[in-house]
Amino acid sequence: MNILNRKVKGIAVAILFLGVCAVTDTAVAQKKDKKQKTQQTETQTQSPQMQQQTQQSGNFSDGDLKQFADASSRLMVIQQNGEQKMLKILEEEKLSVDKFNEMAQAHQQQKLSEVGATVEETAAFNKAAQRMMELQPEMQKEVETAIQKDGMTLEKYEQIMIAYRQDPALQEKINKLMTQE
């Protein structure tokens, strides 16, 4: 099963994470749209110094970073559960991880007909992919709940994630927080 777990970290996990990222981005975008009108008015009345401080994403409190680390730990559990659900779907549909990954990649490139899959494999792929897509609303709720559990906003989580990806010192600090748990 460990070999299968390693293999699923390919396209199947990518699909899940793209979904999770899209879910998070969508949730953030929806919340931003609601707040944007009031923020535009507030931004117009702010001094230039305040606007610069608002735009700097690297100034996070230790509390923010702790919330981010805690939320990220919860998200890892959600990811692992999602992987297990996807493996179960593939098993139930009698489709190997390798075949699913091959077909998913071909599907993304709009070359599914070139894979040489049997009718049964194509049906299994379509059903498995559909079932995985049906996980998205549940995953969206789980992701939002995991992020917001300790009071962190989706926007703040996204800001810290962007900074985390770009700043090795911040990565180190957050990784230390995550290993302290």
Protein backbone atom coordinates (compact mmCIF):
# COMPACT_ATOMS: atom_id res chain seq x y z
CA MET A 1 0.00 0.00 0.00
CA ASN A 2 2.95 2.35 0.60
CA ILE A 3 3.97 2.06 -3.05
CA LEU A 4 0.43 2.88 -4.06
CA ASN A 5 0.41 5.86 -1.70
CA ARG A 6 3.60 7.20 -3.26
CA LYS A 7 2.22 6.80 -6.76
CA VAL A 8 -1.04 8.57 -5.97
CA LYS A 9 0.93 11.68 -5.09
CA GLY A 10 1.09 12.30 -8.84
CA ILE A 11 -1.86 13.54 -10.82
CA ALA A 12 -4.55 12.32 -8.42
CA VAL A 13 -3.15 14.41 -5.58
CA ALA A 14 -2.53 17.27 -7.98
CA ILE A 15 -6.21 17.18 -8.89
CA LEU A 16 -7.15 17.24 -5.22
CA PHE A 17 -4.76 20.08 -4.45
CA LEU A 18 -5.75 22.07 -7.47
CA GLY A 19 -9.29 21.68 -6.22
CA VAL A 20 -8.31 22.70 -2.69
CA CYS A 21 -6.33 25.66 -3.98
CA ALA A 22 -9.18 26.64 -6.26
CA VAL A 23 -11.59 26.24 -3.38
CA THR A 24 -9.44 28.42 -1.13
CA ASP A 25 -8.91 30.98 -3.90
CA THR A 26 -12.65 31.01 -4.66
CA ALA A 27 -13.55 31.42 -1.02
CA VAL A 28 -11.01 34.19 -0.64
CA ALA A 29 -12.21 35.87 -3.84
CA GLN A 30 -15.83 35.71 -2.71
CA LYS A 31 -15.01 37.23 0.65
CA LYS A 32 -12.82 39.87 -1.02
CA ASP A 33 -15.68 40.86 -3.35
CA LYS A 34 -17.94 41.45 -0.36
CA LYS A 35 -15.34 43.54 1.46
CA GLN A 36 -13.91 45.29 -1.59
CA LYS A 37 -16.50 48.07 -1.75
CA THR A 38 -15.99 49.11 1.86
CA GLN A 39 -12.23 48.71 1.61
CA GLN A 40 -12.08 50.91 -1.47
CA THR A 41 -13.68 53.70 0.50
CA GLU A 42 -11.35 53.09 3.46
CA THR A 43 -8.26 52.91 1.22
CA GLN A 44 -9.09 56.25 -0.35
CA THR A 45 -9.05 57.86 3.09
CA GLN A 46 -5.81 56.15 4.28
CA SER A 47 -2.49 57.94 4.23
CA PRO A 48 0.18 56.62 1.81
CA GLN A 49 2.14 55.16 4.77
CA MET A 50 -0.88 53.12 5.89
CA GLN A 51 -1.39 51.85 2.35
CA GLN A 52 2.24 50.66 2.21
CA GLN A 53 1.85 48.82 5.51
CA THR A 54 -1.33 47.14 4.26
CA GLN A 55 0.44 45.99 1.10
CA GLN A 56 3.43 44.49 2.93
CA SER A 57 2.64 40.83 3.38
CA GLY A 58 5.79 39.94 5.29
CA ASN A 59 4.84 41.66 8.54
CA PHE A 60 3.02 38.92 10.40
CA SER A 61 2.72 38.63 14.15
CA ASP A 62 3.89 35.52 15.98
CA GLY A 63 0.22 34.82 16.66
CA ASP A 64 -0.55 34.94 12.92
CA LEU A 65 2.31 32.55 12.20
CA LYS A 66 1.20 30.17 14.97
CA GLN A 67 -2.36 30.18 13.59
CA PHE A 68 -0.97 29.56 10.11
CA ALA A 69 1.17 26.64 11.34
CA ASP A 70 -1.77 25.13 13.21
CA ALA A 71 -4.07 25.54 10.20
CA SER A 72 -1.42 24.02 7.91
CA SER A 73 -1.14 21.01 10.20
CA ARG A 74 -4.90 20.55 10.03
CA LEU A 75 -4.77 20.91 6.24
CA MET A 76 -2.19 18.11 6.05
CA VAL A 77 -4.65 15.80 7.79
CA ILE A 78 -7.35 16.83 5.32
CA GLN A 79 -4.92 16.11 2.46
CA GLN A 80 -4.13 12.64 3.84
CA ASN A 81 -7.81 11.88 4.25
CA GLY A 82 -8.45 13.09 0.71
CA GLU A 83 -5.69 10.85 -0.63
CA GLN A 84 -7.22 7.86 1.15
CA LYS A 85 -10.66 8.68 -0.26
CA MET A 86 -9.21 8.92 -3.78
CA LEU A 87 -7.35 5.63 -3.41
CA LYS A 88 -10.58 3.99 -2.27
CA ILE A 89 -12.44 5.41 -5.27
CA LEU A 90 -9.78 4.08 -7.66
CA GLU A 91 -9.89 0.70 -5.95
CA GLU A 92 -13.69 0.58 -6.16
CA GLU A 93 -13.58 1.56 -9.83
CA LYS A 94 -10.90 -1.09 -10.46
CA LEU A 95 -8.55 1.47 -11.96
CA SER A 96 -4.82 1.52 -11.17
CA VAL A 97 -3.26 4.71 -9.93
CA ASP A 98 -0.84 4.66 -12.87
CA LYS A 99 -3.65 4.32 -15.42
CA PHE A 100 -5.69 7.01 -13.72
CA ASN A 101 -2.70 9.35 -13.68
CA GLU A 102 -1.96 8.65 -17.34
CA MET A 103 -5.58 9.28 -18.30
CA ALA A 104 -5.85 12.39 -16.11
CA GLN A 105 -2.76 13.89 -17.71
CA ALA A 106 -4.09 13.08 -21.18
CA HIS A 107 -7.46 14.55 -20.23
CA GLN A 108 -5.80 17.80 -19.12
CA GLN A 109 -4.04 17.98 -22.48
CA GLN A 110 -7.30 17.15 -24.29
CA LYS A 111 -5.74 13.95 -25.66
CA LEU A 112 -7.74 11.34 -23.75
CA SER A 113 -8.60 9.50 -26.95
CA GLU A 114 -4.87 8.96 -27.62
CA VAL A 115 -4.25 7.02 -24.38
CA GLY A 116 -5.45 3.72 -25.81
CA ALA A 117 -7.70 2.95 -22.86
CA THR A 118 -10.38 0.31 -23.09
CA VAL A 119 -14.03 1.27 -22.94
CA GLU A 120 -14.12 -0.10 -19.39
CA GLU A 121 -11.07 1.94 -18.35
CA THR A 122 -12.54 5.09 -19.86
CA ALA A 123 -15.83 4.51 -18.04
CA ALA A 124 -13.97 3.81 -14.79
CA PHE A 125 -11.84 6.93 -15.26
CA ASN A 126 -14.89 9.11 -15.92
CA LYS A 127 -16.72 7.69 -12.91
CA ALA A 128 -13.68 8.00 -10.63
CA ALA A 129 -12.98 11.56 -11.76
CA GLN A 130 -16.63 12.48 -11.22
CA ARG A 131 -16.61 10.97 -7.74
CA MET A 132 -13.41 12.86 -6.91
CA MET A 133 -14.98 16.09 -8.11
CA GLU A 134 -17.95 15.41 -5.84
CA LEU A 135 -15.52 15.51 -2.90
CA GLN A 136 -14.82 19.19 -3.63
CA PRO A 137 -17.71 20.82 -1.70
CA GLU A 138 -16.96 18.73 1.38
CA MET A 139 -13.25 19.48 1.07
CA GLN A 140 -13.97 23.18 0.65
CA LYS A 141 -15.86 23.24 3.94
CA GLU A 142 -13.12 21.25 5.68
CA VAL A 143 -10.39 23.55 4.35
CA GLU A 144 -12.24 26.71 5.35
CA THR A 145 -13.02 25.31 8.79
CA ALA A 146 -9.41 24.20 9.30
CA ILE A 147 -8.10 27.64 8.39
CA GLN A 148 -10.68 29.61 10.37
CA LYS A 149 -10.73 27.37 13.48
CA ASP A 150 -8.45 29.61 15.56
CA GLY A 151 -9.71 32.88 14.11
CA MET A 152 -7.50 33.18 11.02
CA THR A 153 -9.13 34.59 7.92
CA LEU A 154 -8.80 32.95 4.53
CA GLU A 155 -7.21 36.16 3.25
CA LYS A 156 -4.56 36.17 5.99
CA TYR A 157 -3.81 32.49 5.38
CA GLU A 158 -3.32 33.18 1.68
CA GLN A 159 -1.06 36.18 2.39
CA ILE A 160 1.13 34.12 4.70
CA MET A 161 1.20 31.22 2.21
CA ILE A 162 2.44 33.54 -0.53
CA ALA A 163 5.11 34.97 1.77
CA TYR A 164 6.02 31.45 2.95
CA ARG A 165 6.65 30.32 -0.63
CA GLN A 166 8.90 33.32 -1.29
CA ASP A 167 10.79 33.78 1.99
CA PRO A 168 13.17 31.04 3.22
CA ALA A 169 13.50 32.70 6.64
CA LEU A 170 9.73 32.68 7.06
CA GLN A 171 9.64 29.05 5.91
CA GLU A 172 12.14 28.14 8.61
CA LYS A 173 10.22 30.00 11.29
CA ILE A 174 6.90 28.37 10.36
CA ASN A 175 8.47 24.92 10.01
CA LYS A 176 9.85 25.28 13.56
CA LEU A 177 6.38 26.18 14.81
CA MET A 178 4.93 23.13 13.08
CA THR A 179 7.48 20.76 14.58
CA GLN A 180 6.90 22.11 18.10
CA GLU A 181 3.40 20.66 18.15
